[in-house]
Amino acid sequence: MARRTECYVDTSAFIAFLDRSDSFHALFRRLFSTPPPLTTSALVAAEGHGWFLRRYDHQRAIQFLAFLDALPGLTIRSFDALELARTGRIVKKFSDQNLTLADAHGLSLMRELRIGCCWSTDRRLGLDGVPLVI
């Protein structure tokens, strides 16, 4: 059997899956029910933790981290000084796009790892309110 295509997961996809009030919750519930190998960034973990902390409370933020830890097949890529330099170049190159470091790190990882699939609802990743599931 062929290996399923690896996908990069942006913060917005995790939020849509975990927050039942999100308009894309049903879509991401289906996708996460039988996920392919997934990759995300440590910056996405930080962004998601902060979102649940501000939107809800520290307990929900901790539950988000526990979800990441328990998700089978998820690889979380680190963010260090080398990644900051690579990501900074992307942010500068696309300065008209208002990319966050997390967005740019995701683009960098997708290029480096040749990942052609991204789960996101983020307009900064070239979307217009439509979930990106390639």
Protein backbone atom coordinates (compact mmCIF):
# COMPACT_ATOMS: atom_id res chain seq x y z
CA MET A 1 0.00 0.00 0.00
CA ALA A 2 1.34 3.47 -0.89
CA ARG A 3 2.21 5.86 1.90
CA ARG A 4 -0.28 8.71 2.28
CA THR A 5 1.03 12.14 1.39
CA GLU A 6 2.49 14.09 4.29
CA CYS A 7 0.70 17.35 5.15
CA TYR A 8 1.80 20.51 6.92
CA VAL A 9 -0.69 21.69 9.56
CA ASP A 10 -1.11 25.40 10.29
CA THR A 11 -2.45 26.82 13.55
CA SER A 12 -5.83 27.57 11.99
CA ALA A 13 -6.43 23.89 11.17
CA PHE A 14 -5.75 22.82 14.77
CA ILE A 15 -8.07 25.56 16.03
CA ALA A 16 -10.81 24.60 13.57
CA PHE A 17 -10.60 20.98 14.72
CA LEU A 18 -10.53 21.69 18.46
CA ASP A 19 -12.97 24.61 18.61
CA ARG A 20 -16.48 23.35 17.86
CA SER A 21 -17.68 26.91 17.17
CA ASP A 22 -15.26 27.27 14.23
CA SER A 23 -16.99 27.34 10.83
CA PHE A 24 -14.53 24.74 9.46
CA HIS A 25 -14.83 22.36 12.44
CA ALA A 26 -16.69 19.60 10.57
CA LEU A 27 -14.17 19.56 7.72
CA PHE A 28 -11.15 19.30 10.00
CA ARG A 29 -12.89 16.76 12.24
CA ARG A 30 -13.13 14.52 9.16
CA LEU A 31 -9.52 15.17 8.15
CA PHE A 32 -8.11 14.49 11.62
CA SER A 33 -10.17 11.30 11.96
CA THR A 34 -7.77 9.45 9.62
CA PRO A 35 -4.82 11.79 9.15
CA PRO A 36 -1.82 11.15 6.94
CA PRO A 37 1.63 11.80 8.43
CA LEU A 38 1.53 15.39 9.68
CA THR A 39 4.22 18.02 10.20
CA THR A 40 3.93 21.32 12.00
CA SER A 41 6.21 23.93 13.54
CA ALA A 42 7.09 24.66 17.15
CA LEU A 43 5.86 28.17 16.33
CA VAL A 44 2.44 26.74 15.45
CA ALA A 45 2.41 25.01 18.85
CA ALA A 46 3.23 28.34 20.52
CA GLU A 47 0.66 30.23 18.46
CA GLY A 48 -2.06 27.67 19.19
CA HIS A 49 -1.26 27.60 22.90
CA GLY A 50 -1.49 31.39 23.03
CA TRP A 51 -4.78 31.40 21.11
CA PHE A 52 -6.47 28.94 23.49
CA LEU A 53 -5.01 30.77 26.50
CA ARG A 54 -6.40 34.15 25.36
CA ARG A 55 -9.69 32.86 23.95
CA TYR A 56 -10.49 30.44 26.77
CA ASP A 57 -8.15 29.79 29.70
CA HIS A 58 -4.95 28.05 30.79
CA GLN A 59 -6.71 24.66 31.02
CA ARG A 60 -7.76 24.74 27.36
CA ALA A 61 -4.24 25.87 26.40
CA ILE A 62 -2.78 22.88 28.24
CA GLN A 63 -5.33 20.58 26.60
CA PHE A 64 -4.14 21.89 23.22
CA LEU A 65 -0.55 20.94 24.08
CA ALA A 66 -1.73 17.51 25.28
CA PHE A 67 -3.57 17.02 21.98
CA LEU A 68 -0.39 17.75 20.02
CA ASP A 69 1.54 15.33 22.20
CA ALA A 70 -1.02 12.55 21.72
CA LEU A 71 -1.64 13.01 17.97
CA PRO A 72 -0.18 9.95 16.23
CA GLY A 73 2.05 10.64 13.25
CA LEU A 74 2.65 14.32 14.10
CA THR A 75 6.19 15.68 13.76
CA ILE A 76 6.85 19.06 15.35
CA ARG A 77 9.86 20.79 13.80
CA SER A 78 11.99 23.00 16.02
CA PHE A 79 12.71 26.69 15.53
CA ASP A 80 16.26 27.83 16.20
CA ALA A 81 18.65 30.56 15.05
CA LEU A 82 19.15 28.89 11.65
CA GLU A 83 15.38 28.64 11.14
CA LEU A 84 15.01 32.28 12.21
CA ALA A 85 17.46 33.33 9.49
CA ARG A 86 15.65 31.28 6.80
CA THR A 87 12.24 32.42 7.96
CA GLY A 88 13.34 36.03 8.21
CA ARG A 89 14.33 35.96 4.54
CA ILE A 90 10.84 34.75 3.61
CA VAL A 91 9.16 37.44 5.73
CA LYS A 92 11.32 40.10 4.05
CA LYS A 93 10.77 38.70 0.55
CA PHE A 94 6.99 38.74 1.02
CA SER A 95 6.78 41.87 3.15
CA ASP A 96 3.57 42.90 1.39
CA GLN A 97 1.81 39.75 2.72
CA ASN A 98 1.98 40.37 6.51
CA LEU A 99 3.32 36.86 7.14
CA THR A 100 3.89 35.90 10.74
CA LEU A 101 7.05 34.00 11.64
CA ALA A 102 4.87 30.91 12.09
CA ASP A 103 3.42 31.31 8.57
CA ALA A 104 6.86 31.83 7.05
CA HIS A 105 8.35 28.91 8.97
CA GLY A 106 5.57 26.69 7.62
CA LEU A 107 6.34 27.79 4.06
CA SER A 108 10.04 27.17 4.68
CA LEU A 109 9.39 23.67 6.04
CA MET A 110 7.07 22.81 3.16
CA ARG A 111 9.79 23.82 0.71
CA GLU A 112 12.59 22.05 2.59
CA LEU A 113 10.66 18.81 3.14
CA ARG A 114 8.88 18.94 -0.25
CA ILE A 115 5.47 18.84 1.41
CA GLY A 116 2.79 19.68 -1.13
CA CYS A 117 -0.20 19.52 1.19
CA CYS A 118 -1.19 22.18 3.72
CA TRP A 119 -4.15 22.21 6.09
CA SER A 120 -5.02 25.83 6.84
CA THR A 121 -7.76 28.45 6.73
CA ASP A 122 -5.29 31.34 6.92
CA ARG A 123 -5.60 34.10 4.31
CA ARG A 124 -1.89 34.87 4.68
CA LEU A 125 -1.14 31.51 3.09
CA GLY A 126 -2.88 32.63 -0.10
CA LEU A 127 -6.46 31.92 0.93
CA ASP A 128 -9.60 33.94 1.02
CA GLY A 129 -11.49 32.39 3.92
CA VAL A 130 -11.55 29.00 2.21
CA PRO A 131 -9.73 26.10 3.86
CA LEU A 132 -6.64 24.97 2.03
CA VAL A 133 -6.53 21.21 1.83
CA ILE A 134 -4.32 20.20 -1.05
